[in-house]
Amino acid sequence: MTNAADRPSKRVLSTLAILGEVEWARIDMGFDDFTPRRTPPFIVWRYKSESNDTPDVIQSSVRSYRGEIDWNVDKPGRNWIIQPIRVASGTPEFAGLEGRELLDAIAQSDPEYCESSIRDFQNLFEYLARLWQGSNHE
């Protein structure tokens, strides 16, 4: 049995906590232990409070990552979101689709992309943890 602290979602949350107390989060790792579902992963979260440099740190860090796929980071309101750029930008073949419908359509049309994004999501957060642990952002 996997220790809860070793779960990928816990590692994602602990990485975000390097920059401040996470008030709320929704993580979809792109898979679960109960179904064969494989979709592009994403995280939406907000901090209880942010320092002045937090937005620049998050945006520049995610943009500096070079992995299997490209990632989008945005804060359209109160909450931050990190998701594959293909999900954030959409493509003509998925015009009009949003949310779970969009994720499911991408999963059906390009399962290899989903697998790459699932792997790379974890790699992105390992990269961010290394980057942020080596700096003082509090």
Foldseek 3Di string as FASTA:
>chain_A
DDDPCPDLVNLLQVLVCLQAAWPDKDWDLQDDPPDPGGFQIKMKTAHPDGDPCVVVLVQVLLCVDDFPAHWDWDPPDRIIMITTVCLVVPDVVQPPDHDPRSRVVCCVVPVVVRVRNSVVVSVSSVSSSVVSVVDRND
